[in-house]
Amino acid sequence: FYGNIVSTDANEFISYNYDLLINYFGDNEILTLISSKVNAKFRIGFDNSNKDINDIIFSNIFNNFAKFSNEFIKYLEKIK
């Protein structure tokens, strides 16, 4: 993705370094652009988003936050 982000809030978000970034969105070009510009060590996303920017991709749980949080905790414990 290429482009300039003119939003002050988005640029502030991008300016920080993150250990973990959870891309809790689907197919959204603007959020994908912002996520691709964030300096994060590790990214988690979903199968309906851009697979190139995420390190772990969850399938079939995008609209089920309870199931996502359970699976996320399982993976996080194994990664530690």
Protein backbone atom coordinates (compact mmCIF):
# COMPACT_ATOMS: atom_id res chain seq x y z
CA PHE A 1 0.00 0.00 0.00
CA TYR A 2 1.14 3.50 -0.77
CA GLY A 3 -0.33 6.78 0.28
CA ASN A 4 -0.10 9.60 2.74
CA ILE A 5 -2.18 9.64 5.87
CA VAL A 6 -3.40 13.12 6.76
CA SER A 7 -5.35 12.26 9.91
CA THR A 8 -3.63 13.57 13.03
CA ASP A 9 -5.06 10.73 15.13
CA ALA A 10 -3.91 8.06 12.67
CA ASN A 11 -0.43 9.59 12.45
CA GLU A 12 -0.19 9.67 16.23
CA PHE A 13 -1.22 5.99 16.37
CA ILE A 14 1.42 5.12 13.76
CA SER A 15 4.14 7.03 15.61
CA TYR A 16 4.29 4.52 18.50
CA ASN A 17 6.06 1.16 18.60
CA TYR A 18 3.95 -1.87 19.54
CA ASP A 19 4.82 -5.37 20.68
CA LEU A 20 1.46 -6.70 19.48
CA LEU A 21 -1.10 -5.26 17.08
CA ILE A 22 -4.51 -6.90 16.80
CA ASN A 23 -6.11 -6.06 13.46
CA TYR A 24 -9.71 -6.62 14.50
CA PHE A 25 -11.21 -5.58 11.18
CA GLY A 26 -12.16 -7.30 7.97
CA ASP A 27 -11.54 -6.12 4.44
CA ASN A 28 -10.96 -2.38 4.97
CA GLU A 29 -8.39 -0.64 2.78
CA ILE A 30 -7.91 2.38 5.04
CA LEU A 31 -7.33 0.31 8.20
CA THR A 32 -5.06 -2.02 6.22
CA LEU A 33 -2.99 0.97 5.10
CA ILE A 34 -2.72 2.27 8.66
CA SER A 35 -1.84 -1.19 9.99
CA SER A 36 0.85 -1.65 7.35
CA LYS A 37 2.53 1.58 8.47
CA VAL A 38 2.52 0.71 12.20
CA ASN A 39 5.80 -0.48 13.66
CA ALA A 40 4.65 -3.68 15.40
CA LYS A 41 6.70 -6.73 16.27
CA PHE A 42 3.75 -9.10 15.88
CA ARG A 43 0.34 -8.81 14.18
CA ILE A 44 -2.82 -10.85 14.52
CA GLY A 45 -5.65 -10.69 12.00
CA PHE A 46 -8.47 -12.56 10.28
CA ASP A 47 -8.87 -14.55 7.10
CA ASN A 48 -11.06 -11.87 5.52
CA SER A 49 -8.34 -9.21 5.89
CA ASN A 50 -5.02 -8.73 4.10
CA LYS A 51 -3.01 -11.85 4.91
CA ASP A 52 0.31 -10.21 4.01
CA ILE A 53 0.39 -7.92 7.04
CA ASN A 54 -0.50 -10.45 9.76
CA ASP A 55 1.68 -13.05 11.47
CA ILE A 56 -1.23 -15.12 12.82
CA ILE A 57 -4.55 -15.35 11.00
CA PHE A 58 -7.73 -16.63 12.63
CA SER A 59 -10.47 -18.20 10.52
CA ASN A 60 -14.22 -18.29 11.02
CA ILE A 61 -14.30 -16.28 14.27
CA PHE A 62 -14.38 -12.64 13.10
CA ASN A 63 -17.86 -11.87 14.44
CA ASN A 64 -17.49 -13.96 17.59
CA PHE A 65 -15.42 -11.99 20.10
CA ALA A 66 -15.73 -14.59 22.88
CA LYS A 67 -14.33 -17.33 20.65
CA PHE A 68 -11.62 -14.97 19.37
CA SER A 69 -10.50 -14.05 22.88
CA ASN A 70 -10.34 -17.73 23.93
CA GLU A 71 -8.26 -18.67 20.87
CA PHE A 72 -6.09 -15.58 21.27
CA ILE A 73 -5.26 -16.45 24.88
CA LYS A 74 -4.32 -20.01 23.85
CA TYR A 75 -1.89 -18.74 21.22
CA LEU A 76 -0.49 -16.06 23.47
CA GLU A 77 0.34 -18.63 26.17
CA LYS A 78 2.19 -20.76 23.62
CA ILE A 79 4.13 -17.82 22.21
CA LYS A 80 5.43 -16.62 25.60
